[in-house]
């Protein structure tokens, strides 16, 4: 009887500890969500024509209470830009988290596989050709070209993964080769472009939230929702994969099939996000590391934490882009790179083994 009681006590203690760990992770997720909501409001309120908090909340709840000029600024400029920043950050954060898992590489991000440079090449081809495509009363040719370029890179990666049964090392090396190839093509297109097309290409590669519209927000939100639910179904298998491919296979997981499906999901997220805003770097790299420090490797919590961390990073960069230089809105891609480098260095130092 005493032996049975001694076995029950440690089991109950383990369950209690596990519940406490889960509660801490949920608390971290709630804190991240609250921080994203606060930065979203701050992003909407910040700009050449600032909105006091009370006026901002009133304008969001009762738009007709604002003068026409403020209503246009709030609903046509500030709100779409702020919402797109959150969604783009969440998409890139989740994409980076899944990529680091399936490739078992802490430096993996949508840039690692050449998806972002491919999107830039697609946009550059459209800028040089002068092609236009009007939809929702705006020219979406650059967006379509960028998405097409990202899809080309995706199909090449999927072909290598599926047809050749590539390992993680092969996929990463192939992605690096695509990265340099598309970078070289982008330089070539910039060299032969005229001044007008060159200006469009350079502006695109800097990343900007200025092209935000509600239809784009709806499209990205739909893609993010589908991919989020899809990823949630794979949360357990992705967590098991973090223990190593051999252990995952021993558990009966089809690792190659899982990697292929995850790469497709990553590519869809990254291609959609980057086609709307241009090149925004470091988010898919830094966001997952921040999430890992907060909630660990359990993908039930890690994936939403990575998405929220990415959203927090882009929303914060959007606020800084409007406040660093008074009266000037900097391209958000420049700001994410400037804040991403020191954050990355700090993470590297934290990971340094103690002597």
Protein backbone atom coordinates (compact mmCIF):
# COMPACT_ATOMS: atom_id res chain seq x y z
CA UNK A 1 0.00 0.00 0.00
CA UNK A 2 2.86 2.33 0.86
CA UNK A 3 4.52 1.48 -2.47
CA UNK A 4 1.39 2.44 -4.40
CA UNK A 5 1.11 5.73 -2.51
CA UNK A 6 4.79 6.50 -3.17
CA UNK A 7 4.22 6.00 -6.93
CA UNK A 8 1.09 8.15 -7.01
CA UNK A 9 2.76 11.10 -5.27
CA UNK A 10 5.52 11.66 -7.87
CA UNK A 11 2.98 11.30 -10.70
CA UNK A 12 0.71 13.91 -9.13
CA UNK A 13 3.72 16.18 -8.60
CA UNK A 14 4.71 15.84 -12.25
CA UNK A 15 1.17 16.71 -13.38
CA UNK A 16 1.18 19.77 -11.14
CA UNK A 17 4.53 20.91 -12.52
CA UNK A 18 3.34 20.39 -16.07
CA UNK A 19 0.18 22.44 -15.43
CA UNK A 20 2.33 25.23 -14.05
CA UNK A 21 4.57 25.15 -17.13
CA UNK A 22 1.53 25.30 -19.42
CA UNK A 23 0.09 28.18 -17.39
CA UNK A 24 3.36 30.12 -17.71
CA UNK A 25 3.37 29.54 -21.47
CA UNK A 26 -0.24 30.66 -21.81
CA UNK A 27 0.56 33.73 -19.73
CA UNK A 28 3.47 34.51 -22.06
CA UNK A 29 1.15 34.16 -25.07
CA UNK A 30 -1.38 36.48 -23.45
CA UNK A 31 1.35 39.03 -22.72
CA UNK A 32 2.53 38.88 -26.34
CA UNK A 33 -1.03 39.32 -27.62
CA UNK A 34 -1.57 42.30 -25.32
CA UNK A 35 1.72 43.87 -26.46
CA UNK A 36 0.71 43.42 -30.12
CA UNK A 37 -2.68 45.05 -29.44
CA UNK A 38 -1.03 48.00 -27.70
CA UNK A 39 1.48 48.47 -30.53
CA UNK A 40 -1.34 48.22 -33.06
CA UNK A 41 -3.14 51.13 -31.40
CA UNK A 42 0.13 53.06 -31.08
CA UNK A 43 0.88 52.48 -34.76
CA UNK A 44 -2.54 53.79 -35.76
CA UNK A 45 -2.15 56.84 -33.52
CA UNK A 46 1.41 57.67 -34.63
CA UNK A 47 2.22 59.80 -37.66
CA UNK A 48 2.42 63.36 -38.96
CA UNK A 49 -1.15 63.88 -37.73
CA UNK A 50 -1.24 62.13 -34.33
CA UNK A 51 -4.48 60.83 -32.82
CA UNK A 52 -5.06 61.09 -29.04
CA UNK A 53 -6.13 57.74 -27.61
CA UNK A 54 -9.67 58.85 -26.77
CA UNK A 55 -10.20 60.29 -30.25
CA UNK A 56 -8.68 57.18 -31.82
CA UNK A 57 -11.00 54.79 -29.97
CA UNK A 58 -14.00 56.98 -30.73
CA UNK A 59 -13.05 57.13 -34.42
CA UNK A 60 -12.70 53.37 -34.61
CA UNK A 61 -16.04 52.78 -32.90
CA UNK A 62 -17.95 55.70 -34.48
CA UNK A 63 -16.22 56.81 -37.71
CA UNK A 64 -18.85 59.43 -38.45
CA UNK A 65 -17.87 61.31 -35.30
CA UNK A 66 -14.57 62.38 -36.93
CA UNK A 67 -14.12 65.18 -39.47
CA UNK A 68 -13.80 63.88 -43.03
CA UNK A 69 -10.04 64.55 -43.19
CA UNK A 70 -9.31 62.60 -40.00
CA UNK A 71 -11.67 59.82 -41.02
CA UNK A 72 -9.82 59.36 -44.32
CA UNK A 73 -6.44 59.33 -42.55
CA UNK A 74 -7.62 56.84 -39.95
CA UNK A 75 -9.56 54.40 -42.11
CA UNK A 76 -7.80 54.69 -45.48
CA UNK A 77 -4.18 55.10 -44.38
CA UNK A 78 -3.38 54.32 -40.75
CA UNK A 79 -5.66 51.35 -40.03
CA UNK A 80 -4.83 49.32 -43.20
CA UNK A 81 -1.10 49.92 -42.73
CA UNK A 82 -1.15 48.92 -39.05
CA UNK A 83 -3.24 45.80 -39.65
CA UNK A 84 -1.03 44.72 -42.55
CA UNK A 85 2.07 45.16 -40.36
CA UNK A 86 0.63 42.77 -37.76
CA UNK A 87 -0.44 40.18 -40.34
CA UNK A 88 2.83 40.29 -42.28
CA UNK A 89 4.82 39.92 -39.07
CA UNK A 90 2.68 37.00 -37.95
CA UNK A 91 3.02 35.25 -41.31
CA UNK A 92 6.80 35.66 -41.45
CA UNK A 93 7.18 34.68 -37.79
CA UNK A 94 5.23 31.46 -38.23
CA UNK A 95 7.00 30.68 -41.51
CA UNK A 96 10.40 31.14 -39.88
CA UNK A 97 9.46 28.96 -36.90
CA UNK A 98 8.31 26.07 -39.06
CA UNK A 99 11.32 26.42 -41.34
CA UNK A 100 13.78 26.26 -38.44
CA UNK A 101 12.03 23.11 -37.24
CA UNK A 102 11.85 21.11 -40.46
CA UNK A 103 15.35 22.13 -41.57
CA UNK A 104 16.80 21.77 -38.04
CA UNK A 105 18.67 25.02 -38.63
CA UNK A 106 18.47 28.01 -36.21
CA UNK A 107 19.46 30.37 -39.06
CA UNK A 108 16.63 29.31 -41.36
CA UNK A 109 14.09 31.90 -42.54
CA UNK A 110 12.14 32.65 -45.74
CA UNK A 111 15.33 34.31 -47.00
CA UNK A 112 17.32 31.09 -46.48
CA UNK A 113 15.43 29.34 -49.27
CA UNK A 114 15.60 32.31 -51.64
CA UNK A 115 11.87 33.05 -51.51
CA UNK A 116 12.26 36.75 -50.69
CA UNK A 117 14.90 37.44 -53.40
CA UNK A 118 12.73 35.56 -55.90
CA UNK A 119 9.78 37.81 -55.03
CA UNK A 120 12.00 40.86 -55.62
CA UNK A 121 13.04 39.53 -59.02
CA UNK A 122 9.39 39.01 -59.99
CA UNK A 123 8.52 42.56 -58.96
CA UNK A 124 11.57 43.90 -60.84
CA UNK A 125 10.55 42.13 -64.05
CA UNK A 126 7.12 43.76 -63.84
CA UNK A 127 8.64 47.19 -63.18
CA UNK A 128 10.93 46.91 -66.22
CA UNK A 129 8.25 45.51 -68.54
CA UNK A 130 5.73 48.18 -67.58
CA UNK A 131 2.96 45.60 -67.29
CA UNK A 132 -0.14 46.76 -65.41
CA UNK A 133 -3.01 44.83 -63.88
CA UNK A 134 -5.87 46.81 -62.39
CA UNK A 135 -7.96 45.20 -59.68
CA UNK A 136 -9.85 46.82 -56.79
CA UNK A 137 -9.11 50.17 -58.50
CA UNK A 138 -5.35 49.80 -58.08
CA UNK A 139 -2.45 48.41 -60.08
CA UNK A 140 -1.53 45.05 -58.58
CA UNK A 141 1.05 44.15 -61.21
CA UNK A 142 4.02 44.41 -58.81
CA UNK A 143 2.17 42.28 -56.26
CA UNK A 144 1.35 39.62 -58.86
CA UNK A 145 4.91 39.63 -60.18
CA UNK A 146 6.37 39.24 -56.69
CA UNK A 147 4.00 36.39 -55.86
CA UNK A 148 4.88 34.69 -59.15
CA UNK A 149 8.60 34.97 -58.43
CA UNK A 150 8.13 33.48 -54.96
CA UNK A 151 6.05 30.65 -56.43
CA UNK A 152 8.87 29.83 -58.89
CA UNK A 153 11.34 29.53 -56.01
CA UNK A 154 8.82 27.42 -54.11
CA UNK A 155 8.30 25.01 -57.00
CA UNK A 156 12.06 24.57 -57.40
CA UNK A 157 12.46 23.80 -53.70
CA UNK A 158 9.51 21.39 -53.69
CA UNK A 159 10.89 19.66 -56.79
CA UNK A 160 14.26 19.13 -55.14
CA UNK A 161 12.63 17.92 -51.92
CA UNK A 162 10.15 15.56 -53.56
CA UNK A 163 11.91 14.37 -56.68
CA UNK A 164 15.39 13.92 -55.24
CA UNK A 165 14.38 13.06 -51.67
CA UNK A 166 16.68 15.80 -50.46
CA UNK A 167 17.96 15.95 -46.89
CA UNK A 168 17.75 19.07 -44.75
CA UNK A 169 21.35 19.93 -45.58
CA UNK A 170 20.65 19.65 -49.31
CA UNK A 171 17.53 21.82 -49.06
CA UNK A 172 19.44 24.52 -47.15
CA UNK A 173 22.35 24.48 -49.60
CA UNK A 174 19.96 24.61 -52.55
CA UNK A 175 18.16 27.51 -50.90
CA UNK A 176 21.45 29.38 -50.50
CA UNK A 177 22.20 28.76 -54.18
CA UNK A 178 18.77 30.17 -55.09
CA UNK A 179 19.43 33.15 -52.81
CA UNK A 180 22.63 34.12 -54.63
CA UNK A 181 21.13 33.34 -58.04
CA UNK A 182 18.10 35.58 -57.54
CA UNK A 183 20.27 38.30 -55.98
CA UNK A 184 22.45 38.26 -59.11
CA UNK A 185 19.38 38.42 -61.35
CA UNK A 186 18.07 41.36 -59.31
CA UNK A 187 21.37 43.23 -59.75
CA UNK A 188 21.24 42.53 -63.49
CA UNK A 189 17.69 43.87 -63.74
CA UNK A 190 18.65 46.98 -61.78
CA UNK A 191 21.58 47.55 -64.12
CA UNK A 192 19.45 47.47 -67.27
CA UNK A 193 16.41 49.27 -65.81
CA UNK A 194 15.59 52.86 -66.69
CA UNK A 195 15.38 55.49 -63.96
CA UNK A 196 11.65 55.08 -63.34
CA UNK A 197 11.77 51.27 -63.13
CA UNK A 198 14.93 51.42 -61.01
CA UNK A 199 13.17 53.68 -58.52
CA UNK A 200 10.29 51.20 -58.24
CA UNK A 201 12.68 48.27 -57.78
CA UNK A 202 14.72 50.01 -55.08
CA UNK A 203 11.58 51.10 -53.23
CA UNK A 204 10.22 47.56 -53.39
CA UNK A 205 13.39 45.98 -52.01
CA UNK A 206 13.29 48.35 -49.02
CA UNK A 207 9.90 47.05 -47.90
CA UNK A 208 6.91 49.31 -47.35
CA UNK A 209 3.48 49.18 -45.74
CA UNK A 210 2.28 52.13 -47.84
CA UNK A 211 0.47 49.88 -50.33
CA UNK A 212 -1.88 48.45 -47.69
CA UNK A 213 -5.55 48.07 -48.57
CA UNK A 214 -8.39 46.16 -46.96
CA UNK A 215 -8.66 43.59 -49.82
CA UNK A 216 -4.97 42.74 -49.35
CA UNK A 217 -5.50 42.50 -45.60
CA UNK A 218 -8.42 40.13 -46.16
CA UNK A 219 -6.40 37.91 -48.49
CA UNK A 220 -3.43 37.69 -46.14
CA UNK A 221 -5.68 37.11 -43.11
CA UNK A 222 -7.38 34.23 -44.94
CA UNK A 223 -4.05 32.63 -45.89
CA UNK A 224 -2.74 33.07 -42.35
CA UNK A 225 -5.88 31.54 -40.84
CA UNK A 226 -5.75 28.50 -43.15
CA UNK A 227 -2.04 27.96 -42.59
CA UNK A 228 -2.43 28.50 -38.84
CA UNK A 229 -5.10 25.80 -38.54
CA UNK A 230 -3.08 23.54 -40.83
CA UNK A 231 0.04 24.04 -38.69
CA UNK A 232 -1.91 23.43 -35.47
CA UNK A 233 -2.82 19.97 -36.76
CA UNK A 234 0.90 19.24 -37.23
CA UNK A 235 1.97 20.68 -33.87
CA UNK A 236 2.66 17.33 -32.23
CA UNK A 237 4.61 15.94 -35.19
CA UNK A 238 6.69 19.12 -35.44
CA UNK A 239 7.47 18.91 -31.73
CA UNK A 240 8.52 15.29 -32.17
CA UNK A 241 10.71 16.27 -35.11
CA UNK A 242 12.68 18.65 -32.86
CA UNK A 243 14.00 15.57 -31.02
CA UNK A 244 15.73 14.45 -34.24
CA UNK A 245 14.76 12.75 -37.48
CA UNK A 246 15.72 9.27 -36.28
CA UNK A 247 13.55 9.55 -33.18
CA UNK A 248 10.69 10.93 -35.30
CA UNK A 249 10.94 7.99 -37.70
CA UNK A 250 11.01 5.60 -34.76
CA UNK A 251 7.67 7.08 -33.70
CA UNK A 252 6.27 6.26 -37.14
CA UNK A 253 6.32 9.77 -38.61
CA UNK A 254 6.76 10.22 -42.37
CA UNK A 255 9.50 12.84 -42.08
CA UNK A 256 9.99 13.48 -45.81
CA UNK A 257 6.27 13.94 -46.41
CA UNK A 258 6.01 16.23 -43.38
CA UNK A 259 8.94 18.34 -44.60
CA UNK A 260 7.39 18.68 -48.05
CA UNK A 261 4.01 19.79 -46.70
CA UNK A 262 5.58 22.24 -44.26
CA UNK A 263 7.74 23.76 -47.00
CA UNK A 264 4.60 24.28 -49.09
CA UNK A 265 2.88 25.97 -46.13
CA UNK A 266 5.92 28.15 -45.43
CA UNK A 267 6.18 29.20 -49.04
CA UNK A 268 2.50 30.13 -49.25
CA UNK A 269 2.78 32.28 -46.11
CA UNK A 270 6.00 34.00 -47.14
CA UNK A 271 5.00 34.53 -50.77
CA UNK A 272 1.67 36.11 -49.87
CA UNK A 273 3.14 38.36 -47.18
CA UNK A 274 6.15 39.54 -49.19
CA UNK A 275 4.13 40.12 -52.36
CA UNK A 276 2.15 42.83 -50.53
CA UNK A 277 4.95 44.66 -48.71
CA UNK A 278 8.23 43.90 -50.49
CA UNK A 279 11.39 42.77 -48.77
CA UNK A 280 11.19 42.73 -44.96
CA UNK A 281 14.07 40.88 -43.37
CA UNK A 282 15.04 39.38 -40.00
CA UNK A 283 11.42 38.86 -38.86
CA UNK A 284 11.33 35.18 -39.81
CA UNK A 285 14.73 34.73 -38.16
CA UNK A 286 14.37 36.68 -34.90
CA UNK A 287 10.70 36.02 -34.10
CA UNK A 288 11.07 32.24 -33.60
CA UNK A 289 14.10 32.70 -31.34
CA UNK A 290 12.20 35.13 -29.12
CA UNK A 291 9.27 32.71 -28.99
CA UNK A 292 11.58 29.83 -28.13
CA UNK A 293 13.00 31.75 -25.18
CA UNK A 294 9.48 32.50 -23.90
CA UNK A 295 7.59 29.22 -24.36
CA UNK A 296 10.07 26.51 -25.33
CA UNK A 297 9.80 23.96 -28.13
CA UNK A 298 6.25 22.65 -27.69
CA UNK A 299 4.76 23.72 -31.03
CA UNK A 300 1.27 24.05 -29.58
CA UNK A 301 2.61 27.19 -27.91
CA UNK A 302 5.74 27.85 -29.97
CA UNK A 303 3.98 28.49 -33.30
CA UNK A 304 1.48 31.10 -32.00
CA UNK A 305 4.27 32.69 -29.95
CA UNK A 306 6.45 32.96 -33.06
CA UNK A 307 3.58 34.52 -35.01
CA UNK A 308 2.92 37.03 -32.21
CA UNK A 309 6.64 37.82 -31.88
CA UNK A 310 6.86 38.49 -35.61
CA UNK A 311 3.76 40.70 -35.44
CA UNK A 312 5.27 42.57 -32.48
CA UNK A 313 8.51 43.15 -34.39
CA UNK A 314 6.89 44.52 -37.57
CA UNK A 315 4.36 46.62 -35.65
CA UNK A 316 7.18 48.09 -33.57
CA UNK A 317 9.21 48.75 -36.71
CA UNK A 318 6.20 50.51 -38.24
CA UNK A 319 5.96 52.81 -35.23
CA UNK A 320 9.70 53.55 -35.33
CA UNK A 321 9.57 54.21 -39.08
CA UNK A 322 7.28 57.17 -38.39
CA UNK A 323 9.09 58.56 -35.35
CA UNK A 324 12.84 58.22 -36.03
CA UNK A 325 12.89 61.12 -38.50
CA UNK A 326 10.12 63.66 -37.75
CA UNK A 327 7.86 64.22 -40.74
CA UNK A 328 9.38 61.32 -42.72
CA UNK A 329 8.06 57.75 -42.96
CA UNK A 330 10.99 55.39 -43.48
CA UNK A 331 10.56 52.08 -45.36
CA UNK A 332 9.78 49.49 -42.72
CA UNK A 333 12.25 47.01 -44.20
CA UNK A 334 15.11 49.34 -43.30
CA UNK A 335 13.91 49.57 -39.70
CA UNK A 336 13.49 45.80 -39.27
CA UNK A 337 17.05 45.31 -40.53
CA UNK A 338 18.43 47.98 -38.20
CA UNK A 339 16.71 46.55 -35.11
CA UNK A 340 17.10 42.94 -36.26
CA UNK A 341 20.91 42.99 -36.34
CA UNK A 342 21.44 43.95 -32.66
CA UNK A 343 18.65 41.59 -31.58
CA UNK A 344 20.33 38.77 -33.48
CA UNK A 345 23.69 39.56 -31.85
CA UNK A 346 22.06 39.50 -28.40
CA UNK A 347 20.49 36.12 -29.14
CA UNK A 348 23.84 34.76 -30.30
CA UNK A 349 25.50 35.92 -27.10
CA UNK A 350 22.75 34.33 -24.99
CA UNK A 351 23.29 31.02 -26.80
CA UNK A 352 27.07 31.14 -26.30
CA UNK A 353 28.16 28.21 -24.12
CA UNK A 354 29.63 29.18 -20.79
CA UNK A 355 33.35 28.53 -20.34
